Amino acid sequence: MPTLVAAGGKSPDWFKHTARVVSEQFSGEKHTAIVPGQNHNASAKAIAPMLIDFFAPPVSATRAAA
């Protein structure tokens, strides 16, 4: 199952390290993202593009369904 783990670029280093370690614990497809300019309370505007990329189907799958 695809897994997304994210941390803010302004978060403490231990927080970003923890996000990477947590991501490594999952098998399968994983994505670890550092959200530039954000802390733990990232704004919706900052994380929306990352979430859209993660949850949107690949373009090839969209074309195949049409």
N, C-alpha and C. Protein backbone atom coordinates (compact mmCIF):
# COMPACT_ATOMS: atom_id res chain seq x y z
N MET A 1 0.85 -1.17 0.00
CA MET A 1 0.00 0.00 0.00
C MET A 1 0.90 1.24 0.00
N PRO A 2 0.65 2.20 -0.87
CA PRO A 2 1.44 3.43 -0.88
C PRO A 2 1.29 4.19 0.44
N THR A 3 2.39 4.73 0.91
CA THR A 3 2.41 5.45 2.18
C THR A 3 3.09 6.79 1.99
N LEU A 4 2.52 7.84 2.56
CA LEU A 4 3.10 9.17 2.51
C LEU A 4 3.40 9.61 3.93
N VAL A 5 4.64 10.00 4.17
CA VAL A 5 5.04 10.56 5.46
C VAL A 5 5.65 11.92 5.15
N ALA A 6 5.19 12.94 5.85
CA ALA A 6 5.66 14.30 5.58
C ALA A 6 6.09 15.00 6.86
N ALA A 7 7.00 15.93 6.70
CA ALA A 7 7.45 16.79 7.80
C ALA A 7 7.70 18.18 7.23
N GLY A 8 7.58 19.16 8.06
CA GLY A 8 7.83 20.54 7.63
C GLY A 8 9.31 20.85 7.57
N GLY A 9 9.71 21.64 6.58
CA GLY A 9 11.10 22.03 6.43
C GLY A 9 11.61 22.88 7.59
N LYS A 10 10.69 23.58 8.28
CA LYS A 10 11.08 24.38 9.44
C LYS A 10 10.95 23.61 10.75
N SER A 11 10.54 22.36 10.66
CA SER A 11 10.44 21.52 11.86
C SER A 11 11.84 21.21 12.38
N PRO A 12 11.95 20.88 13.66
CA PRO A 12 13.26 20.50 14.20
C PRO A 12 13.84 19.30 13.44
N ASP A 13 15.16 19.22 13.41
CA ASP A 13 15.82 18.12 12.70
C ASP A 13 15.35 16.75 13.17
N TRP A 14 15.10 16.61 14.48
CA TRP A 14 14.68 15.31 14.98
C TRP A 14 13.33 14.91 14.39
N PHE A 15 12.48 15.90 14.10
CA PHE A 15 11.17 15.61 13.53
C PHE A 15 11.31 15.10 12.10
N LYS A 16 12.17 15.76 11.32
CA LYS A 16 12.41 15.33 9.94
C LYS A 16 13.06 13.95 9.90
N HIS A 17 13.99 13.72 10.82
CA HIS A 17 14.64 12.40 10.91
C HIS A 17 13.60 11.32 11.25
N THR A 18 12.72 11.62 12.18
CA THR A 18 11.68 10.67 12.57
C THR A 18 10.77 10.34 11.39
N ALA A 19 10.43 11.33 10.59
CA ALA A 19 9.58 11.09 9.41
C ALA A 19 10.28 10.11 8.46
N ARG A 20 11.58 10.27 8.26
CA ARG A 20 12.32 9.36 7.38
C ARG A 20 12.36 7.95 7.96
N VAL A 21 12.61 7.84 9.26
CA VAL A 21 12.67 6.52 9.91
C VAL A 21 11.32 5.83 9.86
N VAL A 22 10.25 6.56 10.12
CA VAL A 22 8.91 5.98 10.06
C VAL A 22 8.63 5.49 8.65
N SER A 23 8.97 6.29 7.65
CA SER A 23 8.75 5.90 6.26
C SER A 23 9.48 4.60 5.92
N GLU A 24 10.67 4.43 6.43
CA GLU A 24 11.46 3.22 6.15
C GLU A 24 10.83 1.96 6.73
N GLN A 25 9.92 2.10 7.69
CA GLN A 25 9.31 0.94 8.33
C GLN A 25 8.20 0.32 7.49
N PHE A 26 7.73 1.03 6.49
CA PHE A 26 6.65 0.53 5.64
C PHE A 26 7.23 -0.21 4.44
N SER A 27 6.59 -1.28 4.07
CA SER A 27 7.00 -1.97 2.85
C SER A 27 6.19 -1.39 1.70
N GLY A 28 6.58 -1.67 0.51
CA GLY A 28 5.86 -1.18 -0.66
C GLY A 28 6.28 0.23 -1.02
N GLU A 29 5.46 0.87 -1.81
CA GLU A 29 5.75 2.21 -2.30
C GLU A 29 5.66 3.22 -1.16
N LYS A 30 6.72 4.02 -0.98
CA LYS A 30 6.74 5.01 0.08
C LYS A 30 7.18 6.35 -0.46
N HIS A 31 6.68 7.38 0.14
CA HIS A 31 7.04 8.74 -0.21
C HIS A 31 7.32 9.49 1.08
N THR A 32 8.49 10.05 1.18
CA THR A 32 8.81 10.90 2.32
C THR A 32 8.98 12.30 1.77
N ALA A 33 8.23 13.25 2.30
CA ALA A 33 8.26 14.61 1.79
C ALA A 33 8.62 15.58 2.89
N ILE A 34 9.47 16.52 2.56
CA ILE A 34 9.76 17.64 3.44
C ILE A 34 9.07 18.85 2.81
N VAL A 35 8.17 19.46 3.54
CA VAL A 35 7.39 20.58 3.01
C VAL A 35 8.15 21.88 3.29
N PRO A 36 8.72 22.48 2.25
CA PRO A 36 9.55 23.68 2.44
C PRO A 36 8.79 24.82 3.12
N GLY A 37 9.47 25.50 4.03
CA GLY A 37 8.92 26.69 4.67
C GLY A 37 7.83 26.44 5.69
N GLN A 38 7.56 25.16 6.02
CA GLN A 38 6.47 24.85 6.93
C GLN A 38 7.02 24.16 8.18
N ASN A 39 6.26 24.29 9.27
CA ASN A 39 6.61 23.55 10.48
C ASN A 39 5.60 22.41 10.62
N HIS A 40 5.43 21.89 11.82
CA HIS A 40 4.52 20.76 12.03
C HIS A 40 3.07 21.12 11.67
N ASN A 41 2.72 22.37 11.80
CA ASN A 41 1.36 22.82 11.48
C ASN A 41 1.34 23.42 10.07
N ALA A 42 1.64 22.61 9.09
CA ALA A 42 1.72 23.08 7.70
C ALA A 42 0.36 23.58 7.22
N SER A 43 0.41 24.62 6.42
CA SER A 43 -0.83 25.18 5.87
C SER A 43 -1.39 24.26 4.78
N ALA A 44 -2.70 24.32 4.63
CA ALA A 44 -3.35 23.51 3.60
C ALA A 44 -2.82 23.88 2.21
N LYS A 45 -2.57 25.15 1.99
CA LYS A 45 -2.06 25.61 0.69
C LYS A 45 -0.69 25.01 0.40
N ALA A 46 0.12 24.82 1.43
CA ALA A 46 1.47 24.27 1.24
C ALA A 46 1.45 22.77 0.96
N ILE A 47 0.52 22.05 1.59
CA ILE A 47 0.53 20.59 1.42
C ILE A 47 -0.42 20.08 0.34
N ALA A 48 -1.34 20.94 -0.13
CA ALA A 48 -2.31 20.50 -1.14
C ALA A 48 -1.64 19.91 -2.39
N PRO A 49 -0.63 20.55 -2.99
CA PRO A 49 -0.03 19.96 -4.19
C PRO A 49 0.57 18.58 -3.93
N MET A 50 1.19 18.39 -2.78
CA MET A 50 1.78 17.10 -2.43
C MET A 50 0.69 16.04 -2.29
N LEU A 51 -0.41 16.38 -1.65
CA LEU A 51 -1.51 15.43 -1.47
C LEU A 51 -2.18 15.10 -2.80
N ILE A 52 -2.34 16.09 -3.66
CA ILE A 52 -2.93 15.84 -4.98
C ILE A 52 -2.05 14.87 -5.76
N ASP A 53 -0.74 15.11 -5.76
CA ASP A 53 0.18 14.22 -6.47
C ASP A 53 0.13 12.81 -5.92
N PHE A 54 0.01 12.69 -4.60
CA PHE A 54 0.01 11.37 -3.98
C PHE A 54 -1.29 10.61 -4.25
N PHE A 55 -2.44 11.29 -4.14
CA PHE A 55 -3.72 10.60 -4.25
C PHE A 55 -4.29 10.54 -5.67
N ALA A 56 -3.85 11.41 -6.55
CA ALA A 56 -4.38 11.40 -7.93
C ALA A 56 -3.84 10.19 -8.67
N PRO A 57 -4.68 9.59 -9.51
CA PRO A 57 -4.19 8.44 -10.28
C PRO A 57 -3.15 8.91 -11.31
N PRO A 58 -2.24 8.03 -11.67
CA PRO A 58 -1.26 8.39 -12.71
C PRO A 58 -1.99 8.76 -14.00
N VAL A 59 -1.39 9.64 -14.77
CA VAL A 59 -2.00 10.10 -16.02
C VAL A 59 -2.32 8.92 -16.94
N SER A 60 -1.43 7.93 -17.01
CA SER A 60 -1.67 6.77 -17.88
C SER A 60 -2.93 6.01 -17.45
N ALA A 61 -3.18 5.90 -16.14
CA ALA A 61 -4.37 5.21 -15.64
C ALA A 61 -5.62 6.00 -15.98
N THR A 62 -5.53 7.33 -15.90
CA THR A 62 -6.68 8.18 -16.22
C THR A 62 -7.04 8.04 -17.69
N ARG A 63 -6.04 8.02 -18.56
CA ARG A 63 -6.31 7.89 -19.99
C ARG A 63 -6.87 6.51 -20.32
N ALA A 64 -6.40 5.49 -19.65
CA ALA A 64 -6.88 4.13 -19.92
C ALA A 64 -8.35 3.97 -19.54
N ALA A 65 -8.77 4.69 -18.51
CA ALA A 65 -10.16 4.60 -18.03
C ALA A 65 -11.12 5.36 -18.94
N ALA A 66 -10.61 6.30 -19.71
CA ALA A 66 -11.48 7.16 -20.54
C ALA A 66 -11.99 6.45 -21.77
